Amino acid sequence: MTDRQLTPIAGVDLSGVPTRRLPGPPPRPAPGWVLRPAPERRGQTVVHDAMCRHAAGGGTELGTLEAVNALMRDGARACTDCDASVVLIPALELGQEQG
């Protein structure tokens, strides 16, 4: 409850009510995936887990659906050094079976 939500109560002493500051806003969660240019081939891309060492240094942050969509483009691949290939490739294949 904030101080703006409280109103004084006539005849009631509220000085003994314990108070504490609310914590700041929670940290922004890390994205699930990062799309980066492939280092070995111009015009190709690699999708990495956001925690992958190859994802460091920039790239486009993606949600899971965006990462799967990125893998459907020509010249895209999933990183094999992190969870990208283990998680996203089966999801991509599952989607192809449905359609």
Protein backbone atom coordinates (compact mmCIF):
# COMPACT_ATOMS: atom_id res chain seq x y z
CA MET A 1 0.00 0.00 0.00
CA THR A 2 1.34 3.44 -0.83
CA ASP A 3 1.07 6.63 1.22
CA ARG A 4 -1.36 7.95 -1.42
CA GLN A 5 -3.74 5.08 -0.70
CA LEU A 6 -3.87 5.81 3.05
CA THR A 7 -6.13 8.35 4.67
CA PRO A 8 -5.91 9.42 8.30
CA ILE A 9 -8.47 8.00 10.71
CA ALA A 10 -9.81 10.58 13.10
CA GLY A 11 -8.69 9.87 16.66
CA VAL A 12 -6.36 6.96 15.72
CA ASP A 13 -2.61 7.23 16.26
CA LEU A 14 -0.84 5.49 13.36
CA SER A 15 2.70 6.37 14.46
CA GLY A 16 3.27 2.81 15.73
CA VAL A 17 2.39 1.16 12.43
CA PRO A 18 5.52 -0.36 10.93
CA THR A 19 6.52 0.94 7.54
CA ARG A 20 9.09 -0.02 4.95
CA ARG A 21 10.04 1.15 1.50
CA LEU A 22 8.96 -0.95 -1.41
CA PRO A 23 11.80 -2.35 -3.50
CA GLY A 24 12.52 -0.75 -6.85
CA PRO A 25 11.12 -2.19 -10.02
CA PRO A 26 12.24 -5.74 -10.80
CA PRO A 27 15.14 -6.09 -13.20
CA ARG A 28 14.19 -6.51 -16.83
CA PRO A 29 14.31 -10.21 -17.68
CA ALA A 30 16.90 -11.27 -20.19
CA PRO A 31 15.52 -12.15 -23.59
CA GLY A 32 15.30 -15.80 -24.40
CA TRP A 33 17.19 -15.60 -27.69
CA VAL A 34 19.53 -13.37 -29.67
CA LEU A 35 19.82 -13.16 -33.46
CA ARG A 36 23.32 -12.30 -34.72
CA PRO A 37 24.97 -12.26 -38.12
CA ALA A 38 26.81 -15.50 -38.90
CA PRO A 39 30.54 -14.82 -38.57
CA GLU A 40 31.48 -17.21 -41.35
CA ARG A 41 29.03 -16.15 -44.08
CA ARG A 42 27.75 -12.75 -45.09
CA GLY A 43 23.96 -12.46 -45.15
CA GLN A 44 23.38 -15.45 -42.89
CA THR A 45 22.24 -15.39 -39.27
CA VAL A 46 22.57 -17.50 -36.13
CA VAL A 47 20.05 -17.72 -33.28
CA HIS A 48 21.67 -18.09 -29.84
CA ASP A 49 20.36 -18.58 -26.33
CA ALA A 50 20.64 -15.18 -24.63
CA MET A 51 23.18 -16.61 -22.19
CA CYS A 52 25.39 -18.09 -24.94
CA ARG A 53 28.91 -16.70 -25.09
CA HIS A 54 28.45 -16.13 -28.83
CA ALA A 55 25.41 -13.92 -28.18
CA ALA A 56 27.47 -11.31 -26.34
CA GLY A 57 28.26 -8.07 -28.08
CA GLY A 58 24.97 -7.13 -29.63
CA GLY A 59 22.38 -8.63 -31.88
CA THR A 60 18.61 -8.56 -31.91
CA GLU A 61 16.80 -9.76 -28.80
CA LEU A 62 13.98 -12.20 -29.61
CA GLY A 63 11.20 -14.03 -27.85
CA THR A 64 10.75 -17.74 -28.53
CA LEU A 65 8.20 -17.36 -31.33
CA GLU A 66 10.35 -14.70 -32.99
CA ALA A 67 13.38 -17.00 -32.75
CA VAL A 68 11.50 -19.86 -34.40
CA ASN A 69 10.33 -17.47 -37.14
CA ALA A 70 13.91 -16.26 -37.64
CA LEU A 71 15.06 -19.85 -38.14
CA MET A 72 12.53 -20.30 -40.94
CA ARG A 73 14.32 -17.67 -43.05
CA ASP A 74 16.88 -18.63 -45.68
CA GLY A 75 20.44 -18.57 -44.37
CA ALA A 76 19.45 -18.92 -40.70
CA ARG A 77 20.70 -21.58 -38.33
CA ALA A 78 20.58 -22.32 -34.61
CA CYS A 79 23.76 -22.22 -32.56
CA THR A 80 25.01 -25.67 -31.63
CA ASP A 81 27.11 -24.42 -28.70
CA CYS A 82 24.06 -23.49 -26.61
CA ASP A 83 20.44 -24.58 -26.13
CA ALA A 84 19.24 -22.93 -29.34
CA SER A 85 19.50 -26.04 -31.51
CA VAL A 86 18.25 -28.35 -28.76
CA VAL A 87 15.15 -26.26 -27.99
CA LEU A 88 14.26 -24.39 -31.17
CA ILE A 89 14.85 -27.00 -33.88
CA PRO A 90 12.32 -29.47 -32.38
CA ALA A 91 9.83 -26.59 -32.02
CA LEU A 92 10.40 -25.65 -35.64
CA GLU A 93 9.91 -29.26 -36.77
CA LEU A 94 6.75 -29.59 -34.67
CA GLY A 95 5.29 -26.52 -36.35
CA GLN A 96 6.02 -27.97 -39.80
CA GLU A 97 4.19 -31.19 -38.93
CA GLN A 98 1.08 -29.17 -37.99
CA GLY A 99 0.94 -27.16 -41.20
